[in-house]
Amino acid sequence: MKSSQIGKLAEEKAAEFLKNRGYQILEKNFRTKFGEIDIVATEEDTLVFVEVRFRRSKDFGLPEETINSRKIQKIVNTAYRYISMKNPHFSDIRFDVIAVDTEGVRHIKNAFEAEI
């Protein structure tokens, strides 16, 4: 299976995980020239930008450990663009990570912070 197909399956698993916990999925794979956000969702009155990470094994670390400062900046810039385009009204904004590996799915709320 191609890595793009595996990534798509991990994103679908993450979306289902969120839906089962009461999140509403607004967008999947929101793309701009700045980058991509895997999932845009809401949890009550919070707008949540979700990065999905997958690893087949832990040989080189956990999936969530693969997010570096450059990736965070791309996510933040893309989130800023999403907000300016869609003009959503929420009392809070959060950046989460969903890590998918052979042991299952982990949801890291507030994985990083940014000024928006």
N, C-alpha and C. Protein backbone atom coordinates (compact mmCIF):
# COMPACT_ATOMS: atom_id res chain seq x y z
N MET A 1 0.84 -1.18 0.00
CA MET A 1 0.00 0.00 0.00
C MET A 1 0.89 1.25 0.00
N LYS A 2 0.54 2.22 -0.81
CA LYS A 2 1.31 3.46 -0.91
C LYS A 2 1.19 4.28 0.37
N SER A 3 2.20 5.08 0.65
CA SER A 3 2.17 5.90 1.87
C SER A 3 1.03 6.90 1.83
N SER A 4 0.66 7.40 0.64
CA SER A 4 -0.47 8.33 0.54
C SER A 4 -1.78 7.64 0.93
N GLN A 5 -1.91 6.37 0.56
CA GLN A 5 -3.11 5.61 0.92
C GLN A 5 -3.14 5.34 2.43
N ILE A 6 -1.99 5.03 2.99
CA ILE A 6 -1.90 4.80 4.43
C ILE A 6 -2.23 6.07 5.19
N GLY A 7 -1.71 7.20 4.70
CA GLY A 7 -2.00 8.48 5.33
C GLY A 7 -3.49 8.80 5.29
N LYS A 8 -4.12 8.50 4.16
CA LYS A 8 -5.56 8.72 4.02
C LYS A 8 -6.34 7.86 5.02
N LEU A 9 -5.94 6.60 5.17
CA LEU A 9 -6.60 5.72 6.14
C LEU A 9 -6.42 6.23 7.57
N ALA A 10 -5.23 6.73 7.89
CA ALA A 10 -4.98 7.28 9.22
C ALA A 10 -5.86 8.50 9.46
N GLU A 11 -6.03 9.34 8.45
CA GLU A 11 -6.89 10.52 8.58
C GLU A 11 -8.35 10.13 8.75
N GLU A 12 -8.79 9.09 8.05
CA GLU A 12 -10.17 8.61 8.21
C GLU A 12 -10.38 8.06 9.62
N LYS A 13 -9.39 7.32 10.11
CA LYS A 13 -9.47 6.77 11.47
C LYS A 13 -9.53 7.91 12.49
N ALA A 14 -8.74 8.95 12.28
CA ALA A 14 -8.73 10.10 13.18
C ALA A 14 -10.08 10.82 13.15
N ALA A 15 -10.65 11.00 11.96
CA ALA A 15 -11.96 11.67 11.84
C ALA A 15 -13.04 10.88 12.57
N GLU A 16 -13.03 9.57 12.41
CA GLU A 16 -14.01 8.73 13.11
C GLU A 16 -13.82 8.81 14.62
N PHE A 17 -12.57 8.81 15.05
CA PHE A 17 -12.24 8.94 16.47
C PHE A 17 -12.85 10.23 17.03
N LEU A 18 -12.68 11.32 16.31
CA LEU A 18 -13.22 12.60 16.76
C LEU A 18 -14.75 12.60 16.76
N LYS A 19 -15.34 12.10 15.69
CA LYS A 19 -16.81 12.05 15.60
C LYS A 19 -17.40 11.25 16.76
N ASN A 20 -16.77 10.14 17.10
CA ASN A 20 -17.24 9.29 18.20
C ASN A 20 -17.14 9.98 19.56
N ARG A 21 -16.39 11.06 19.62
CA ARG A 21 -16.25 11.82 20.86
C ARG A 21 -17.00 13.15 20.81
N GLY A 22 -17.89 13.28 19.83
CA GLY A 22 -18.77 14.44 19.77
C GLY A 22 -18.27 15.63 18.98
N TYR A 23 -17.16 15.50 18.31
CA TYR A 23 -16.65 16.59 17.47
C TYR A 23 -17.45 16.64 16.17
N GLN A 24 -17.57 17.83 15.62
CA GLN A 24 -18.17 17.99 14.30
C GLN A 24 -17.04 18.28 13.32
N ILE A 25 -16.92 17.50 12.28
CA ILE A 25 -15.89 17.69 11.27
C ILE A 25 -16.38 18.74 10.28
N LEU A 26 -15.63 19.83 10.14
CA LEU A 26 -15.99 20.89 9.20
C LEU A 26 -15.30 20.70 7.85
N GLU A 27 -14.04 20.30 7.90
CA GLU A 27 -13.25 20.15 6.67
C GLU A 27 -12.22 19.05 6.86
N LYS A 28 -11.88 18.42 5.76
CA LYS A 28 -10.75 17.49 5.73
C LYS A 28 -9.82 17.98 4.63
N ASN A 29 -8.54 17.91 4.90
CA ASN A 29 -7.51 18.29 3.93
C ASN A 29 -7.71 19.70 3.37
N PHE A 30 -7.84 20.67 4.26
CA PHE A 30 -7.95 22.07 3.85
C PHE A 30 -6.58 22.53 3.38
N ARG A 31 -6.49 22.94 2.11
CA ARG A 31 -5.21 23.30 1.52
C ARG A 31 -5.18 24.77 1.09
N THR A 32 -4.01 25.38 1.31
CA THR A 32 -3.72 26.70 0.78
C THR A 32 -2.28 26.67 0.28
N LYS A 33 -1.83 27.81 -0.20
CA LYS A 33 -0.42 27.88 -0.63
C LYS A 33 0.53 27.76 0.56
N PHE A 34 0.00 27.98 1.78
CA PHE A 34 0.83 27.91 2.98
C PHE A 34 1.03 26.47 3.46
N GLY A 35 0.06 25.60 3.17
CA GLY A 35 0.15 24.23 3.64
C GLY A 35 -1.22 23.59 3.71
N GLU A 36 -1.31 22.55 4.52
CA GLU A 36 -2.54 21.78 4.63
C GLU A 36 -2.84 21.49 6.10
N ILE A 37 -4.13 21.51 6.41
CA ILE A 37 -4.59 21.07 7.72
C ILE A 37 -5.42 19.82 7.48
N ASP A 38 -5.07 18.74 8.16
CA ASP A 38 -5.71 17.46 7.92
C ASP A 38 -7.20 17.49 8.26
N ILE A 39 -7.53 18.02 9.43
CA ILE A 39 -8.93 18.05 9.86
C ILE A 39 -9.20 19.38 10.56
N VAL A 40 -10.31 20.01 10.19
CA VAL A 40 -10.82 21.17 10.92
C VAL A 40 -12.13 20.72 11.53
N ALA A 41 -12.23 20.87 12.85
CA ALA A 41 -13.40 20.36 13.57
C ALA A 41 -13.83 21.37 14.64
N THR A 42 -14.96 21.07 15.24
CA THR A 42 -15.41 21.86 16.39
C THR A 42 -15.68 20.92 17.55
N GLU A 43 -15.37 21.41 18.73
CA GLU A 43 -15.75 20.74 19.97
C GLU A 43 -16.44 21.82 20.79
N GLU A 44 -17.76 21.70 20.89
CA GLU A 44 -18.58 22.73 21.51
C GLU A 44 -18.29 24.07 20.85
N ASP A 45 -17.77 25.05 21.59
CA ASP A 45 -17.52 26.37 21.00
C ASP A 45 -16.04 26.60 20.70
N THR A 46 -15.32 25.51 20.46
CA THR A 46 -13.89 25.59 20.15
C THR A 46 -13.64 25.11 18.72
N LEU A 47 -12.92 25.92 17.97
CA LEU A 47 -12.48 25.53 16.63
C LEU A 47 -11.16 24.79 16.79
N VAL A 48 -11.09 23.58 16.24
CA VAL A 48 -9.93 22.72 16.46
C VAL A 48 -9.28 22.38 15.12
N PHE A 49 -8.00 22.71 15.02
CA PHE A 49 -7.19 22.34 13.85
C PHE A 49 -6.40 21.10 14.23
N VAL A 50 -6.54 20.03 13.46
CA VAL A 50 -5.97 18.74 13.83
C VAL A 50 -4.94 18.28 12.80
N GLU A 51 -3.76 17.96 13.28
CA GLU A 51 -2.72 17.35 12.46
C GLU A 51 -2.71 15.87 12.78
N VAL A 52 -2.78 15.03 11.75
CA VAL A 52 -2.77 13.58 11.92
C VAL A 52 -1.38 13.07 11.55
N ARG A 53 -0.81 12.26 12.44
CA ARG A 53 0.51 11.68 12.19
C ARG A 53 0.42 10.17 12.34
N PHE A 54 1.12 9.46 11.45
CA PHE A 54 1.09 8.00 11.44
C PHE A 54 2.52 7.46 11.41
N ARG A 55 2.72 6.37 12.12
CA ARG A 55 3.98 5.63 12.07
C ARG A 55 3.67 4.14 12.09
N ARG A 56 4.38 3.39 11.26
CA ARG A 56 4.20 1.93 11.23
C ARG A 56 4.85 1.24 12.42
N SER A 57 5.93 1.85 12.91
CA SER A 57 6.62 1.26 14.06
C SER A 57 7.19 2.39 14.92
N LYS A 58 7.64 2.01 16.11
CA LYS A 58 8.22 3.00 17.02
C LYS A 58 9.75 3.03 16.91
N ASP A 59 10.29 2.37 15.93
CA ASP A 59 11.74 2.29 15.77
C ASP A 59 12.41 3.66 15.73
N PHE A 60 11.72 4.64 15.15
CA PHE A 60 12.28 5.98 15.02
C PHE A 60 11.47 7.01 15.78
N GLY A 61 10.76 6.57 16.80
CA GLY A 61 9.99 7.49 17.63
C GLY A 61 8.49 7.40 17.40
N LEU A 62 7.77 8.16 18.19
CA LEU A 62 6.32 8.18 18.12
C LEU A 62 5.85 9.10 17.00
N PRO A 63 4.66 8.86 16.46
CA PRO A 63 4.16 9.71 15.37
C PRO A 63 4.13 11.19 15.74
N GLU A 64 3.69 11.49 16.96
CA GLU A 64 3.56 12.89 17.37
C GLU A 64 4.91 13.60 17.50
N GLU A 65 5.98 12.84 17.58
CA GLU A 65 7.31 13.43 17.69
C GLU A 65 7.86 13.90 16.34
N THR A 66 7.13 13.64 15.28
CA THR A 66 7.59 14.03 13.94
C THR A 66 7.19 15.45 13.56
N ILE A 67 6.51 16.14 14.43
CA ILE A 67 6.09 17.51 14.12
C ILE A 67 7.16 18.48 14.60
N ASN A 68 7.77 19.18 13.65
CA ASN A 68 8.83 20.13 14.00
C ASN A 68 8.30 21.57 13.91
N SER A 69 9.15 22.52 14.24
CA SER A 69 8.73 23.93 14.26
C SER A 69 8.31 24.42 12.88
N ARG A 70 8.94 23.93 11.85
CA ARG A 70 8.56 24.32 10.48
C ARG A 70 7.14 23.85 10.16
N LYS A 71 6.81 22.62 10.52
CA LYS A 71 5.47 22.08 10.30
C LYS A 71 4.45 22.86 11.11
N ILE A 72 4.78 23.17 12.35
CA ILE A 72 3.87 23.95 13.18
C ILE A 72 3.58 25.30 12.54
N GLN A 73 4.62 25.96 12.03
CA GLN A 73 4.42 27.27 11.39
C GLN A 73 3.52 27.14 10.17
N LYS A 74 3.68 26.08 9.39
CA LYS A 74 2.81 25.87 8.23
C LYS A 74 1.35 25.68 8.67
N ILE A 75 1.15 24.90 9.71
CA ILE A 75 -0.21 24.66 10.22
C ILE A 75 -0.82 25.97 10.70
N VAL A 76 -0.05 26.74 11.45
CA VAL A 76 -0.55 28.02 11.97
C VAL A 76 -0.90 28.97 10.83
N ASN A 77 -0.02 29.08 9.85
CA ASN A 77 -0.30 29.96 8.70
C ASN A 77 -1.55 29.51 7.94
N THR A 78 -1.70 28.22 7.79
CA THR A 78 -2.88 27.69 7.09
C THR A 78 -4.14 27.92 7.93
N ALA A 79 -4.04 27.76 9.23
CA ALA A 79 -5.18 28.03 10.12
C ALA A 79 -5.58 29.50 10.04
N TYR A 80 -4.60 30.38 10.01
CA TYR A 80 -4.88 31.81 9.88
C TYR A 80 -5.63 32.09 8.58
N ARG A 81 -5.20 31.44 7.52
CA ARG A 81 -5.87 31.61 6.22
C ARG A 81 -7.29 31.06 6.28
N TYR A 82 -7.47 29.92 6.92
CA TYR A 82 -8.80 29.33 7.07
C TYR A 82 -9.73 30.33 7.76
N ILE A 83 -9.25 30.89 8.85
CA ILE A 83 -10.06 31.85 9.62
C ILE A 83 -10.39 33.08 8.79
N SER A 84 -9.41 33.58 8.04
CA SER A 84 -9.68 34.78 7.24
C SER A 84 -10.62 34.49 6.08
N MET A 85 -10.60 33.29 5.55
CA MET A 85 -11.49 32.93 4.43
C MET A 85 -12.90 32.59 4.91
N LYS A 86 -13.00 31.84 5.99
CA LYS A 86 -14.29 31.29 6.43
C LYS A 86 -14.98 32.14 7.49
N ASN A 87 -14.20 32.99 8.18
CA ASN A 87 -14.73 33.88 9.21
C ASN A 87 -15.60 33.14 10.24
N PRO A 88 -15.10 32.05 10.80
CA PRO A 88 -15.89 31.33 11.80
C PRO A 88 -15.90 32.09 13.12
N HIS A 89 -16.93 31.91 13.89
CA HIS A 89 -17.04 32.59 15.19
C HIS A 89 -17.04 31.54 16.31
N PHE A 90 -15.92 31.45 16.99
CA PHE A 90 -15.77 30.52 18.09
C PHE A 90 -15.09 31.23 19.24
N SER A 91 -15.37 30.79 20.45
CA SER A 91 -14.78 31.45 21.61
C SER A 91 -13.33 31.04 21.83
N ASP A 92 -12.92 29.92 21.23
CA ASP A 92 -11.55 29.46 21.43
C ASP A 92 -11.07 28.73 20.18
N ILE A 93 -9.76 28.69 20.02
CA ILE A 93 -9.11 27.97 18.92
C ILE A 93 -8.05 27.09 19.54
N ARG A 94 -7.93 25.86 19.02
CA ARG A 94 -6.99 24.90 19.58
C ARG A 94 -6.30 24.13 18.47
N PHE A 95 -5.07 23.73 18.72
CA PHE A 95 -4.30 22.90 17.79
C PHE A 95 -4.05 21.56 18.46
N ASP A 96 -4.59 20.51 17.85
CA ASP A 96 -4.45 19.15 18.37
C ASP A 96 -3.65 18.29 17.41
N VAL A 97 -3.17 17.18 17.93
CA VAL A 97 -2.51 16.16 17.11
C VAL A 97 -3.19 14.83 17.41
N ILE A 98 -3.45 14.08 16.36
CA ILE A 98 -3.92 12.70 16.52
C ILE A 98 -2.80 11.81 15.98
N ALA A 99 -2.29 10.97 16.86
CA ALA A 99 -1.23 10.04 16.50
C ALA A 99 -1.84 8.67 16.30
N VAL A 100 -1.51 8.07 15.16
CA VAL A 100 -2.01 6.74 14.83
C VAL A 100 -0.80 5.83 14.63
N ASP A 101 -0.81 4.70 15.34
CA ASP A 101 0.25 3.71 15.17
C ASP A 101 -0.32 2.33 15.43
N THR A 102 0.54 1.36 15.55
CA THR A 102 0.09 -0.02 15.72
C THR A 102 -0.64 -0.24 17.04
N GLU A 103 -0.43 0.64 18.00
CA GLU A 103 -1.10 0.51 19.30
C GLU A 103 -2.46 1.21 19.33
N GLY A 104 -2.78 1.97 18.30
CA GLY A 104 -4.08 2.62 18.26
C GLY A 104 -4.00 4.10 17.96
N VAL A 105 -4.93 4.86 18.55
CA VAL A 105 -5.07 6.28 18.29
C VAL A 105 -4.90 7.04 19.60
N ARG A 106 -4.05 8.08 19.56
CA ARG A 106 -3.87 8.96 20.71
C ARG A 106 -4.23 10.38 20.30
N HIS A 107 -5.00 11.04 21.15
CA HIS A 107 -5.42 12.41 20.89
C HIS A 107 -4.67 13.33 21.85
N ILE A 108 -3.85 14.21 21.31
CA ILE A 108 -3.12 15.16 22.12
C ILE A 108 -3.77 16.53 21.93
N LYS A 109 -4.54 16.95 22.92
CA LYS A 109 -5.18 18.26 22.87
C LYS A 109 -4.15 19.33 23.20
N ASN A 110 -4.32 20.50 22.58
CA ASN A 110 -3.37 21.61 22.80
C ASN A 110 -1.94 21.17 22.59
N ALA A 111 -1.70 20.46 21.51
CA ALA A 111 -0.36 19.94 21.22
C ALA A 111 0.66 21.08 21.08
N PHE A 112 0.20 22.22 20.58
CA PHE A 112 1.03 23.41 20.52
C PHE A 112 0.11 24.62 20.50
N GLU A 113 0.69 25.76 20.82
CA GLU A 113 -0.09 26.99 20.88
C GLU A 113 0.42 27.97 19.84
N ALA A 114 -0.47 28.88 19.44
CA ALA A 114 -0.09 29.91 18.47
C ALA A 114 -1.00 31.11 18.67
N GLU A 115 -0.47 32.26 18.35
CA GLU A 115 -1.27 33.48 18.40
C GLU A 115 -1.97 33.64 17.05
N ILE A 116 -3.28 33.67 17.10
CA ILE A 116 -4.06 33.86 15.86
C ILE A 116 -4.93 35.07 16.03
